[in-house]
């Protein structure tokens, strides 16, 4: 078994695409219209495992909206992205206008920082150590 797709719920797919490609440096992988207000939209990381995609999932399901808002307000990240050089990514992303919740923190076995994706999610950026 393999994980090929992971999803983040977004309040606006076009805004999410601009953030994930323009500020994080991901690439658009798939963009298929599914009707007047929906599309299957995925991005991939140029540094990631080949074939793994992040689905920018439209939040059309009302309970998902409640859940996303509750996570955000509680400060709980929706997911985590791994990096080999957190400080370099942090500096690059901050210069691009990404909003961080704090400075990077040394948590022993990891270096971590949480950022906002502008689409209702918090994302934990993590650099494993050791």
Protein backbone atom coordinates (compact mmCIF):
# COMPACT_ATOMS: atom_id res chain seq x y z
CA UNK A 1 0.00 0.00 0.00
CA UNK A 2 1.09 3.58 -0.69
CA UNK A 3 -0.18 7.00 0.20
CA UNK A 4 -0.38 9.01 -3.00
CA UNK A 5 -2.86 11.75 -2.05
CA UNK A 6 -3.35 13.87 1.05
CA UNK A 7 -5.92 16.64 1.31
CA UNK A 8 -6.25 20.03 2.91
CA UNK A 9 -9.63 21.71 2.98
CA UNK A 10 -9.50 25.19 1.45
CA UNK A 11 -12.04 27.99 1.38
CA UNK A 12 -11.01 29.09 -2.12
CA UNK A 13 -9.20 26.81 -4.56
CA UNK A 14 -7.80 29.63 -6.70
CA UNK A 15 -6.43 31.44 -3.65
CA UNK A 16 -5.01 28.14 -2.36
CA UNK A 17 -3.33 27.41 -5.69
CA UNK A 18 -1.72 30.86 -5.69
CA UNK A 19 -0.46 30.35 -2.11
CA UNK A 20 0.87 26.81 -2.50
CA UNK A 21 2.59 27.53 -5.83
CA UNK A 22 3.56 31.19 -5.42
CA UNK A 23 4.62 31.26 -1.76
CA UNK A 24 5.59 27.65 -1.02
CA UNK A 25 7.04 26.77 -4.41
CA UNK A 26 4.85 23.75 -5.11
CA UNK A 27 3.84 22.91 -8.69
CA UNK A 28 0.33 22.44 -10.02
CA UNK A 29 -0.05 18.76 -10.89
CA UNK A 30 -3.70 18.17 -11.83
CA UNK A 31 -6.50 20.64 -12.54
CA UNK A 32 -9.73 19.03 -13.77
CA UNK A 33 -13.07 20.90 -13.78
CA UNK A 34 -15.87 18.89 -12.11
CA UNK A 35 -18.74 21.30 -12.62
CA UNK A 36 -19.43 25.00 -12.37
CA UNK A 37 -17.98 25.40 -8.85
CA UNK A 38 -15.75 22.36 -8.32
CA UNK A 39 -12.47 21.06 -9.63
CA UNK A 40 -10.00 18.31 -8.81
CA UNK A 41 -6.91 20.36 -8.02
CA UNK A 42 -3.60 18.97 -6.79
CA UNK A 43 -0.11 20.31 -6.22
CA UNK A 44 3.19 18.56 -5.65
CA UNK A 45 6.40 19.54 -3.95
CA UNK A 46 9.49 19.75 -6.15
CA UNK A 47 11.43 18.34 -3.15
CA UNK A 48 8.89 15.62 -2.34
CA UNK A 49 8.49 11.98 -3.21
CA UNK A 50 7.56 11.51 -6.87
CA UNK A 51 3.86 10.82 -7.31
CA UNK A 52 2.67 12.21 -3.96
CA UNK A 53 0.11 15.00 -4.38
CA UNK A 54 -1.67 17.42 -2.08
CA UNK A 55 -5.35 17.84 -2.95
CA UNK A 56 -6.64 21.39 -2.49
CA UNK A 57 -10.09 20.21 -1.48
CA UNK A 58 -12.99 22.68 -1.76
CA UNK A 59 -14.90 23.04 1.48
CA UNK A 60 -18.43 22.47 0.23
CA UNK A 61 -19.42 20.15 3.11
CA UNK A 62 -20.70 22.32 6.03
CA UNK A 63 -19.33 20.06 8.83
CA UNK A 64 -15.87 20.38 7.24
CA UNK A 65 -16.12 24.15 7.57
CA UNK A 66 -16.91 23.84 11.28
CA UNK A 67 -14.06 21.37 11.81
CA UNK A 68 -11.50 23.49 9.93
CA UNK A 69 -12.49 26.62 11.85
CA UNK A 70 -12.26 24.77 15.18
CA UNK A 71 -8.76 23.48 14.37
CA UNK A 72 -7.60 26.92 13.30
CA UNK A 73 -9.02 28.68 16.35
CA UNK A 74 -7.49 26.05 18.67
CA UNK A 75 -4.08 26.48 16.99
CA UNK A 76 -4.02 22.88 15.76
CA UNK A 77 -2.25 22.32 12.42
CA UNK A 78 -4.24 20.54 9.72
CA UNK A 79 -1.09 18.74 8.55
CA UNK A 80 2.69 18.91 8.60
CA UNK A 81 5.28 19.40 5.89
CA UNK A 82 8.82 18.12 6.33
CA UNK A 83 11.93 20.04 5.35
CA UNK A 84 15.67 19.41 5.37
CA UNK A 85 16.44 23.06 6.18
CA UNK A 86 13.72 24.74 8.21
CA UNK A 87 15.60 27.99 8.75
CA UNK A 88 16.18 28.49 5.01
CA UNK A 89 12.55 27.66 4.18
CA UNK A 90 11.33 29.87 7.02
CA UNK A 91 13.37 32.84 5.74
CA UNK A 92 12.27 32.29 2.12
CA UNK A 93 8.61 31.88 3.03
CA UNK A 94 8.61 34.84 5.43
CA UNK A 95 10.12 37.02 2.69
CA UNK A 96 7.28 35.83 0.40
CA UNK A 97 4.71 37.06 2.92
CA UNK A 98 3.77 33.80 4.65
CA UNK A 99 2.30 34.45 8.12
CA UNK A 100 3.96 32.44 10.89
CA UNK A 101 2.47 31.92 14.34
CA UNK A 102 5.89 32.14 16.07
CA UNK A 103 9.59 31.90 15.52
CA UNK A 104 10.96 28.38 14.84
CA UNK A 105 11.22 26.32 18.02
CA UNK A 106 13.82 23.73 18.94
CA UNK A 107 11.83 20.82 20.35
CA UNK A 108 14.76 18.43 20.79
CA UNK A 109 14.30 15.85 18.07
CA UNK A 110 12.70 18.39 15.71
CA UNK A 111 12.82 22.05 14.77
CA UNK A 112 9.26 23.29 14.08
CA UNK A 113 7.20 26.34 13.22
CA UNK A 114 3.50 26.78 12.37
CA UNK A 115 2.29 28.94 9.48
CA UNK A 116 -1.07 29.98 8.02
CA UNK A 117 -1.97 29.01 4.46
CA UNK A 118 -4.43 31.88 4.04
CA UNK A 119 -7.19 29.38 3.25
CA UNK A 120 -8.19 28.51 6.81
CA UNK A 121 -5.42 26.07 7.73
CA UNK A 122 -2.42 26.00 9.98
CA UNK A 123 0.50 23.95 8.69
CA UNK A 124 3.35 22.66 10.86
CA UNK A 125 6.75 22.93 9.13
CA UNK A 126 9.12 20.38 10.67
CA UNK A 127 12.81 19.56 10.33
CA UNK A 128 13.68 16.21 11.93
CA UNK A 129 16.96 16.04 13.79
CA UNK A 130 19.29 13.13 14.29
